[in-house]
Protein backbone atom coordinates (compact mmCIF):
# COMPACT_ATOMS: atom_id res chain seq x y z
CA UNK A 1 -0.04 0.09 0.05
CA UNK A 2 2.86 2.68 1.10
CA UNK A 3 4.31 1.85 -2.80
CA UNK A 4 0.73 2.08 -4.27
CA UNK A 5 0.96 5.73 -2.39
CA UNK A 6 4.40 6.72 -3.40
CA UNK A 7 3.75 5.86 -7.25
CA UNK A 8 0.56 7.32 -7.55
CA UNK A 9 -0.86 4.09 -8.82
CA UNK A 10 -3.46 0.99 -7.86
CA UNK A 11 -1.08 -1.95 -8.08
CA UNK A 12 -3.20 -5.78 -9.44
CA UNK A 13 -2.69 -8.37 -7.03
CA UNK A 14 0.23 -10.76 -7.19
CA UNK A 15 -0.90 -14.41 -6.11
CA UNK A 16 1.87 -16.61 -4.74
CA UNK A 17 2.38 -19.48 -2.81
CA UNK A 18 2.21 -19.42 0.88
CA UNK A 19 5.15 -21.78 1.17
CA UNK A 20 7.41 -19.86 -0.80
CA UNK A 21 6.44 -16.84 0.88
CA UNK A 22 7.23 -18.35 4.24
CA UNK A 23 10.09 -19.80 3.23
CA UNK A 24 11.38 -16.35 2.27
CA UNK A 25 10.48 -15.33 5.61
CA UNK A 26 12.32 -17.20 7.29
CA UNK A 27 15.43 -15.81 5.14
CA UNK A 28 14.54 -12.65 5.79
CA UNK A 29 14.31 -12.85 9.78
CA UNK A 30 17.90 -14.15 9.65
CA UNK A 31 19.50 -11.04 7.58
CA UNK A 32 17.44 -9.67 10.07
CA UNK A 33 19.00 -11.19 13.01
CA UNK A 34 22.61 -10.86 11.92
CA UNK A 35 21.82 -6.99 11.06
CA UNK A 36 21.19 -6.78 14.54
CA UNK A 37 24.23 -8.23 15.98
CA UNK A 38 26.33 -6.25 13.56
CA UNK A 39 24.73 -2.57 14.28
CA UNK A 40 25.09 -3.61 17.89
CA UNK A 41 29.17 -4.72 17.49
CA UNK A 42 29.62 -1.54 16.08
CA UNK A 43 27.91 0.35 18.73
CA UNK A 44 30.11 -1.35 21.72
CA UNK A 45 33.50 -0.80 19.54
CA UNK A 46 32.52 2.86 18.82
CA UNK A 47 32.01 3.14 22.51
CA UNK A 48 30.53 5.52 25.21
CA UNK A 49 29.98 9.33 23.62
CA UNK A 50 32.90 11.76 23.78
CA UNK A 51 35.93 9.49 22.28
CA UNK A 52 36.21 8.05 18.81
CA UNK A 53 37.55 11.94 17.15
CA UNK A 54 33.40 12.12 17.13
CA UNK A 55 32.82 9.93 14.22
CA UNK A 56 29.38 7.53 13.92
CA UNK A 57 29.43 4.09 13.76
CA UNK A 58 29.53 4.81 10.08
CA UNK A 59 33.18 6.48 10.12
CA UNK A 60 31.40 10.02 9.02
CA UNK A 61 32.86 12.58 11.52
CA UNK A 62 30.44 15.54 12.57
CA UNK A 63 27.87 14.68 10.38
CA UNK A 64 24.76 13.71 11.11
CA UNK A 65 22.71 10.86 8.83
CA UNK A 66 19.47 11.93 7.53
CA UNK A 67 16.28 10.37 8.78
CA UNK A 68 13.52 9.94 5.91
CA UNK A 69 10.18 8.14 6.09
CA UNK A 70 10.00 4.79 4.09
CA UNK A 71 7.25 6.85 1.95
CA UNK A 72 10.58 9.77 1.38
CA UNK A 73 12.36 6.38 0.32
CA UNK A 74 10.13 4.61 -1.78
CA UNK A 75 9.69 8.56 -3.83
CA UNK A 76 13.45 8.49 -3.99
CA UNK A 77 13.38 5.32 -6.40
CA UNK A 78 11.29 6.28 -8.46
């Protein structure tokens, strides 16, 4: 529905087999768990604020990462 709103069109329904979707859901869950563990590891390596030369977890010094809504990100992909 978010994609339809970003594209401003109504898409036709795509039918899939439930077994295939459930298999993909397991892989997505595994990837999410791994990403969370890596982010926690990066955060722990960074240490408390004030140390590390003012860099954030991605190594960007003095810059802030711009937060965007999912809808804004969808529109940018067009």
